[in-house]
């Protein structure tokens, strides 16, 4: 998730650590700027793990994530150690919408500005910040 999107959703940018998720592939999704991860035995996904999230921030992310994903606990490699983390995995029944290899720079970055506007509209329509205040 991009830092500007995190800032909109959480009103801050949490600490992020580089991580590797083995046995998964990050796909493009037809008509969407965001990726889908699905199990794939011989590949790995490089990304970031968000750390130091409060329970309320986790709730904010859960509200934001689409029902096309399932929340799963997966093992990731962070600085040569394996940790359990929450990941959003694309549902198997929707895999026919996945293709290729998703790249932040080539797929998301060109549309990040308009996507952030959509995220802000989502937040304005769906979050009552008093419900999520800490």
N, C-alpha and C. Protein backbone atom coordinates (compact mmCIF):
# COMPACT_ATOMS: atom_id res chain seq x y z
N UNK A 1 0.85 -1.16 0.00
CA UNK A 1 0.00 0.00 0.00
C UNK A 1 0.90 1.23 0.00
N UNK A 2 0.55 2.20 -0.79
CA UNK A 2 1.39 3.39 -0.90
C UNK A 2 1.28 4.26 0.35
N UNK A 3 2.31 5.03 0.60
CA UNK A 3 2.32 5.91 1.77
C UNK A 3 1.19 6.94 1.72
N UNK A 4 0.91 7.57 0.56
CA UNK A 4 -0.22 8.51 0.54
C UNK A 4 -1.56 7.83 0.86
N UNK A 5 -1.76 6.60 0.41
CA UNK A 5 -3.00 5.88 0.72
C UNK A 5 -3.06 5.57 2.21
N UNK A 6 -1.96 5.14 2.79
CA UNK A 6 -1.93 4.88 4.24
C UNK A 6 -2.25 6.15 5.02
N UNK A 7 -1.69 7.27 4.59
CA UNK A 7 -1.95 8.56 5.27
C UNK A 7 -3.44 8.89 5.24
N UNK A 8 -4.09 8.63 4.13
CA UNK A 8 -5.52 8.88 4.02
C UNK A 8 -6.31 7.93 4.93
N UNK A 9 -5.98 6.66 4.89
CA UNK A 9 -6.75 5.66 5.63
C UNK A 9 -6.50 5.70 7.13
N UNK A 10 -5.25 5.94 7.54
CA UNK A 10 -4.90 5.84 8.95
C UNK A 10 -4.58 7.18 9.60
N UNK A 11 -4.48 8.21 8.78
CA UNK A 11 -4.09 9.55 9.25
C UNK A 11 -2.66 9.56 9.77
N UNK A 12 -1.87 8.59 9.34
CA UNK A 12 -0.44 8.53 9.65
C UNK A 12 0.18 7.46 8.76
N UNK A 13 1.50 7.45 8.71
CA UNK A 13 2.21 6.39 7.99
C UNK A 13 2.94 5.55 9.04
N UNK A 14 2.49 4.31 9.23
CA UNK A 14 3.14 3.46 10.23
C UNK A 14 4.52 3.02 9.77
N UNK A 15 5.28 2.47 10.70
CA UNK A 15 6.59 1.93 10.35
C UNK A 15 6.39 0.78 9.36
N UNK A 16 7.27 0.73 8.37
CA UNK A 16 7.19 -0.30 7.34
C UNK A 16 8.54 -1.00 7.25
N UNK A 17 8.51 -2.34 7.18
CA UNK A 17 9.74 -3.12 7.05
C UNK A 17 9.66 -3.98 5.81
N UNK A 18 10.76 -4.05 5.05
CA UNK A 18 10.78 -4.94 3.88
C UNK A 18 10.54 -6.39 4.29
N UNK A 19 9.75 -7.09 3.49
CA UNK A 19 9.41 -8.48 3.80
C UNK A 19 9.29 -9.28 2.52
N UNK A 20 9.44 -10.59 2.65
CA UNK A 20 9.27 -11.52 1.54
C UNK A 20 8.23 -12.57 1.94
N UNK A 21 7.27 -12.75 1.07
CA UNK A 21 6.23 -13.77 1.25
C UNK A 21 6.50 -14.87 0.24
N UNK A 22 6.98 -16.00 0.72
CA UNK A 22 7.32 -17.11 -0.17
C UNK A 22 6.08 -17.93 -0.50
N UNK A 23 6.06 -18.47 -1.72
CA UNK A 23 4.96 -19.32 -2.13
C UNK A 23 3.73 -18.57 -2.60
N UNK A 24 3.90 -17.29 -2.95
CA UNK A 24 2.80 -16.46 -3.46
C UNK A 24 3.28 -15.67 -4.66
N UNK A 25 2.30 -15.21 -5.44
CA UNK A 25 2.57 -14.39 -6.62
C UNK A 25 1.68 -13.16 -6.54
N UNK A 26 2.21 -12.00 -6.96
CA UNK A 26 1.43 -10.76 -6.98
C UNK A 26 0.99 -10.50 -8.42
N UNK A 27 -0.30 -10.62 -8.66
CA UNK A 27 -0.90 -10.48 -9.98
C UNK A 27 -1.49 -9.11 -10.21
N UNK A 28 -1.63 -8.75 -11.47
CA UNK A 28 -2.48 -7.63 -11.87
C UNK A 28 -3.92 -8.12 -11.81
N UNK A 29 -4.86 -7.20 -11.59
CA UNK A 29 -6.28 -7.52 -11.59
C UNK A 29 -6.93 -6.71 -12.71
N UNK A 30 -7.71 -7.37 -13.54
CA UNK A 30 -8.37 -6.70 -14.67
C UNK A 30 -9.08 -5.43 -14.22
N UNK A 31 -8.71 -4.31 -14.85
CA UNK A 31 -9.39 -3.05 -14.61
C UNK A 31 -9.12 -2.39 -13.27
N UNK A 32 -8.16 -2.89 -12.50
CA UNK A 32 -7.87 -2.33 -11.18
C UNK A 32 -6.40 -1.93 -11.06
N UNK A 33 -6.10 -0.88 -10.30
CA UNK A 33 -4.69 -0.51 -10.12
C UNK A 33 -4.01 -1.25 -8.99
N UNK A 34 -4.77 -1.97 -8.20
CA UNK A 34 -4.20 -2.67 -7.05
C UNK A 34 -3.96 -4.14 -7.40
N UNK A 35 -3.07 -4.80 -6.63
CA UNK A 35 -2.70 -6.19 -6.95
C UNK A 35 -3.56 -7.21 -6.21
N UNK A 36 -3.33 -8.45 -6.59
CA UNK A 36 -3.91 -9.60 -5.90
C UNK A 36 -2.77 -10.57 -5.64
N UNK A 37 -2.70 -11.09 -4.41
CA UNK A 37 -1.74 -12.17 -4.17
C UNK A 37 -2.50 -13.47 -4.08
N UNK A 38 -1.89 -14.50 -4.67
CA UNK A 38 -2.45 -15.85 -4.66
C UNK A 38 -1.31 -16.84 -4.46
N UNK A 39 -1.62 -17.99 -3.86
CA UNK A 39 -0.58 -19.01 -3.70
C UNK A 39 0.01 -19.41 -5.05
N UNK A 40 1.31 -19.58 -5.06
CA UNK A 40 2.04 -20.01 -6.24
C UNK A 40 3.36 -20.59 -5.74
N UNK A 41 3.51 -21.90 -5.79
CA UNK A 41 4.59 -22.58 -5.06
C UNK A 41 6.01 -22.12 -5.37
N UNK A 42 6.30 -21.71 -6.57
CA UNK A 42 7.69 -21.43 -6.93
C UNK A 42 8.02 -19.94 -7.03
N UNK A 43 7.18 -19.08 -6.46
CA UNK A 43 7.43 -17.64 -6.54
C UNK A 43 7.37 -17.00 -5.16
N UNK A 44 7.82 -15.76 -5.10
CA UNK A 44 7.78 -14.99 -3.86
C UNK A 44 7.32 -13.58 -4.18
N UNK A 45 6.76 -12.94 -3.17
CA UNK A 45 6.33 -11.55 -3.28
C UNK A 45 7.18 -10.72 -2.34
N UNK A 46 7.82 -9.69 -2.88
CA UNK A 46 8.54 -8.74 -2.04
C UNK A 46 7.62 -7.57 -1.77
N UNK A 47 7.60 -7.14 -0.51
CA UNK A 47 6.73 -6.04 -0.15
C UNK A 47 7.13 -5.46 1.18
N UNK A 48 6.16 -4.86 1.85
CA UNK A 48 6.39 -4.23 3.14
C UNK A 48 5.40 -4.76 4.16
N UNK A 49 5.87 -4.90 5.40
CA UNK A 49 5.01 -5.25 6.53
C UNK A 49 4.82 -3.98 7.33
N UNK A 50 3.59 -3.67 7.65
CA UNK A 50 3.29 -2.52 8.51
C UNK A 50 3.40 -2.98 9.95
N UNK A 51 4.12 -2.23 10.76
CA UNK A 51 4.28 -2.61 12.16
C UNK A 51 3.72 -1.51 13.06
N UNK A 52 3.42 -1.90 14.28
CA UNK A 52 2.96 -0.93 15.26
C UNK A 52 1.54 -0.45 15.04
N UNK A 53 0.73 -1.24 14.34
CA UNK A 53 -0.66 -0.84 14.12
C UNK A 53 -1.50 -1.12 15.36
N UNK A 54 -2.36 -0.19 15.68
CA UNK A 54 -3.29 -0.41 16.79
C UNK A 54 -4.44 -1.28 16.30
N UNK A 55 -5.21 -1.78 17.23
CA UNK A 55 -6.39 -2.58 16.89
C UNK A 55 -7.36 -1.74 16.06
N UNK A 56 -7.49 -0.48 16.39
CA UNK A 56 -8.39 0.40 15.65
C UNK A 56 -7.90 0.65 14.22
N UNK A 57 -6.59 0.77 14.06
CA UNK A 57 -6.04 0.92 12.71
C UNK A 57 -6.27 -0.34 11.89
N UNK A 58 -6.14 -1.50 12.53
CA UNK A 58 -6.44 -2.76 11.83
C UNK A 58 -7.90 -2.77 11.39
N UNK A 59 -8.80 -2.27 12.23
CA UNK A 59 -10.21 -2.19 11.86
C UNK A 59 -10.41 -1.27 10.67
N UNK A 60 -9.70 -0.16 10.64
CA UNK A 60 -9.80 0.77 9.51
C UNK A 60 -9.38 0.08 8.20
N UNK A 61 -8.29 -0.67 8.27
CA UNK A 61 -7.83 -1.38 7.07
C UNK A 61 -8.83 -2.46 6.66
N UNK A 62 -9.41 -3.13 7.63
CA UNK A 62 -10.40 -4.17 7.33
C UNK A 62 -11.63 -3.57 6.64
N UNK A 63 -12.07 -2.40 7.10
CA UNK A 63 -13.21 -1.72 6.46
C UNK A 63 -12.85 -1.37 5.02
N UNK A 64 -11.62 -0.95 4.80
CA UNK A 64 -11.18 -0.51 3.48
C UNK A 64 -11.03 -1.67 2.49
N UNK A 65 -10.47 -2.78 2.94
CA UNK A 65 -10.20 -3.88 2.02
C UNK A 65 -11.49 -4.45 1.45
N UNK A 66 -11.45 -4.78 0.20
CA UNK A 66 -12.61 -5.24 -0.56
C UNK A 66 -12.99 -6.66 -0.17
N UNK A 67 -14.22 -7.04 -0.46
CA UNK A 67 -14.65 -8.41 -0.17
C UNK A 67 -14.11 -9.41 -1.19
N UNK A 68 -13.27 -8.93 -2.11
CA UNK A 68 -12.60 -9.83 -3.05
C UNK A 68 -11.43 -10.55 -2.39
N UNK A 69 -11.09 -10.10 -1.20
CA UNK A 69 -9.96 -10.66 -0.46
C UNK A 69 -10.44 -11.39 0.80
N UNK A 70 -9.61 -12.33 1.23
CA UNK A 70 -9.82 -12.92 2.55
C UNK A 70 -8.61 -12.56 3.40
N UNK A 71 -8.86 -12.29 4.65
CA UNK A 71 -7.79 -11.97 5.57
C UNK A 71 -7.20 -13.28 6.08
N UNK A 72 -5.89 -13.43 5.92
CA UNK A 72 -5.21 -14.66 6.34
C UNK A 72 -3.95 -14.33 7.13
N UNK A 73 -3.57 -15.22 8.01
CA UNK A 73 -2.30 -15.10 8.73
C UNK A 73 -1.27 -15.91 7.95
N UNK A 74 -0.22 -15.23 7.47
CA UNK A 74 0.81 -15.88 6.66
C UNK A 74 2.18 -15.62 7.27
N UNK A 75 3.12 -16.49 6.94
CA UNK A 75 4.51 -16.32 7.38
C UNK A 75 5.27 -15.48 6.36
N UNK A 76 5.95 -14.44 6.87
CA UNK A 76 6.80 -13.61 6.01
C UNK A 76 8.21 -13.57 6.59
N UNK A 77 9.15 -13.35 5.72
CA UNK A 77 10.54 -13.23 6.12
C UNK A 77 10.88 -11.74 6.24
N UNK A 78 11.26 -11.32 7.46
CA UNK A 78 11.63 -9.93 7.72
C UNK A 78 13.00 -9.95 8.39
N UNK A 79 13.99 -9.37 7.71
CA UNK A 79 15.34 -9.31 8.27
C UNK A 79 15.83 -10.67 8.77
N UNK A 80 15.72 -11.68 7.94
CA UNK A 80 16.19 -13.04 8.22
C UNK A 80 15.43 -13.76 9.34
N UNK A 81 14.28 -13.24 9.73
CA UNK A 81 13.43 -13.92 10.71
C UNK A 81 12.04 -14.11 10.12
N UNK A 82 11.40 -15.20 10.49
CA UNK A 82 10.05 -15.49 10.01
C UNK A 82 9.04 -15.00 11.03
N UNK A 83 8.04 -14.27 10.55
CA UNK A 83 6.99 -13.73 11.41
C UNK A 83 5.63 -14.05 10.82
N UNK A 84 4.63 -14.18 11.67
CA UNK A 84 3.24 -14.25 11.22
C UNK A 84 2.74 -12.83 11.01
N UNK A 85 1.99 -12.63 9.95
CA UNK A 85 1.40 -11.32 9.69
C UNK A 85 0.04 -11.51 9.02
N UNK A 86 -0.77 -10.49 9.10
CA UNK A 86 -2.06 -10.49 8.42
C UNK A 86 -1.83 -10.08 6.97
N UNK A 87 -2.40 -10.83 6.06
CA UNK A 87 -2.32 -10.50 4.63
C UNK A 87 -3.71 -10.65 4.02
N UNK A 88 -3.94 -9.91 2.96
CA UNK A 88 -5.21 -10.00 2.24
C UNK A 88 -4.96 -10.76 0.95
N UNK A 89 -5.53 -11.96 0.89
CA UNK A 89 -5.31 -12.88 -0.23
C UNK A 89 -6.54 -12.87 -1.12
N UNK A 90 -6.32 -12.74 -2.41
CA UNK A 90 -7.39 -12.71 -3.40
C UNK A 90 -8.14 -14.03 -3.37
N UNK A 91 -9.46 -13.97 -3.40
CA UNK A 91 -10.27 -15.18 -3.33
C UNK A 91 -10.06 -16.07 -4.55
N UNK A 92 -9.99 -17.36 -4.29
CA UNK A 92 -9.73 -18.34 -5.36
C UNK A 92 -10.77 -18.27 -6.47
N UNK A 93 -12.04 -18.07 -6.11
CA UNK A 93 -13.09 -18.05 -7.14
C UNK A 93 -12.98 -16.83 -8.06
N UNK A 94 -12.13 -15.86 -7.74
CA UNK A 94 -11.95 -14.68 -8.58
C UNK A 94 -10.63 -14.69 -9.34
N UNK A 95 -9.92 -15.81 -9.28
CA UNK A 95 -8.59 -15.88 -9.88
C UNK A 95 -8.60 -15.64 -11.39
N UNK A 96 -9.73 -15.88 -12.04
CA UNK A 96 -9.78 -15.67 -13.50
C UNK A 96 -9.63 -14.19 -13.88
N UNK A 97 -9.71 -13.29 -12.91
CA UNK A 97 -9.51 -11.85 -13.16
C UNK A 97 -8.04 -11.44 -13.00
N UNK A 98 -7.19 -12.40 -12.62
CA UNK A 98 -5.77 -12.13 -12.37
C UNK A 98 -4.92 -12.49 -13.58
N UNK A 99 -3.87 -11.70 -13.79
CA UNK A 99 -2.95 -12.00 -14.90
C UNK A 99 -1.60 -11.35 -14.62
N UNK A 100 -0.57 -11.84 -15.25
CA UNK A 100 0.74 -11.20 -15.27
C UNK A 100 1.37 -10.96 -13.91
N UNK A 101 2.21 -9.94 -13.89
CA UNK A 101 2.95 -9.56 -12.69
C UNK A 101 2.66 -8.09 -12.41
N UNK A 102 2.13 -7.80 -11.23
CA UNK A 102 1.84 -6.43 -10.84
C UNK A 102 3.11 -5.72 -10.39
N UNK A 103 3.25 -4.46 -10.77
CA UNK A 103 4.39 -3.64 -10.37
C UNK A 103 3.88 -2.29 -9.86
N UNK A 104 4.37 -1.89 -8.70
CA UNK A 104 3.98 -0.59 -8.14
C UNK A 104 4.31 0.53 -9.12
N UNK A 105 5.51 0.51 -9.65
CA UNK A 105 5.97 1.60 -10.52
C UNK A 105 5.21 1.70 -11.83
N UNK A 106 4.87 0.57 -12.43
CA UNK A 106 4.24 0.62 -13.76
C UNK A 106 2.72 0.56 -13.73
N UNK A 107 2.15 -0.05 -12.69
CA UNK A 107 0.69 -0.20 -12.64
C UNK A 107 0.05 0.84 -11.72
N UNK A 108 0.58 1.00 -10.51
CA UNK A 108 -0.08 1.87 -9.54
C UNK A 108 0.39 3.32 -9.60
N UNK A 109 1.68 3.53 -9.66
CA UNK A 109 2.25 4.89 -9.57
C UNK A 109 1.61 5.86 -10.58
N UNK A 110 1.37 5.45 -11.83
CA UNK A 110 0.76 6.38 -12.78
C UNK A 110 -0.65 6.84 -12.40
N UNK A 111 -1.35 6.09 -11.58
CA UNK A 111 -2.74 6.45 -11.21
C UNK A 111 -2.87 6.74 -9.72
N UNK A 112 -1.74 6.91 -9.02
CA UNK A 112 -1.78 7.10 -7.58
C UNK A 112 -2.60 8.33 -7.17
N UNK A 113 -2.44 9.44 -7.88
CA UNK A 113 -3.18 10.67 -7.54
C UNK A 113 -4.69 10.47 -7.60
N UNK A 114 -5.23 10.04 -8.74
CA UNK A 114 -6.67 9.79 -8.80
C UNK A 114 -7.14 8.72 -7.82
N UNK A 115 -6.31 7.70 -7.59
CA UNK A 115 -6.68 6.65 -6.63
C UNK A 115 -6.78 7.22 -5.21
N UNK A 116 -5.87 8.12 -4.86
CA UNK A 116 -5.93 8.75 -3.54
C UNK A 116 -7.20 9.58 -3.38
N UNK A 117 -7.64 10.22 -4.43
CA UNK A 117 -8.90 10.97 -4.37
C UNK A 117 -10.06 10.01 -4.09
N UNK A 118 -10.06 8.86 -4.78
CA UNK A 118 -11.10 7.85 -4.52
C UNK A 118 -11.03 7.34 -3.08
N UNK A 119 -9.82 7.15 -2.58
CA UNK A 119 -9.66 6.68 -1.19
C UNK A 119 -10.22 7.71 -0.21
N UNK A 120 -9.96 8.98 -0.47
CA UNK A 120 -10.47 10.02 0.42
C UNK A 120 -12.00 10.02 0.40
N UNK A 121 -12.59 9.85 -0.77
CA UNK A 121 -14.05 9.78 -0.87
C UNK A 121 -14.58 8.57 -0.10
N UNK A 122 -13.87 7.45 -0.19
CA UNK A 122 -14.25 6.25 0.55
C UNK A 122 -14.22 6.52 2.05
N UNK A 123 -13.14 7.13 2.51
CA UNK A 123 -13.00 7.44 3.93
C UNK A 123 -14.13 8.36 4.38
N UNK A 124 -14.39 9.41 3.60
CA UNK A 124 -15.44 10.37 3.95
C UNK A 124 -16.80 9.70 4.04
N UNK A 125 -17.05 8.72 3.18
CA UNK A 125 -18.36 8.06 3.13
C UNK A 125 -18.50 6.92 4.13
N UNK A 126 -17.38 6.29 4.52
CA UNK A 126 -17.46 5.06 5.30
C UNK A 126 -16.90 5.10 6.71
N UNK A 127 -16.09 6.06 7.01
CA UNK A 127 -15.46 6.11 8.33
C UNK A 127 -16.08 7.24 9.14
N UNK A 128 -16.58 6.89 10.26
CA UNK A 128 -16.90 7.90 11.26
C UNK A 128 -15.72 7.89 12.20
N UNK A 129 -14.83 8.86 12.08
CA UNK A 129 -13.58 8.82 12.81
C UNK A 129 -13.79 8.76 14.31
N UNK A 130 -14.93 9.24 14.79
CA UNK A 130 -15.18 9.11 16.22
C UNK A 130 -15.32 7.64 16.62
N UNK A 131 -15.83 6.81 15.70
CA UNK A 131 -15.93 5.37 15.97
C UNK A 131 -14.56 4.72 16.02
N UNK A 132 -13.62 5.30 15.31
CA UNK A 132 -12.29 4.70 15.19
C UNK A 132 -11.22 5.47 15.94
N UNK A 133 -11.61 6.47 16.72
CA UNK A 133 -10.61 7.26 17.41
C UNK A 133 -9.98 6.44 18.54
N UNK A 134 -8.75 6.78 18.84
CA UNK A 134 -8.02 6.00 19.84
C UNK A 134 -8.10 6.61 21.17
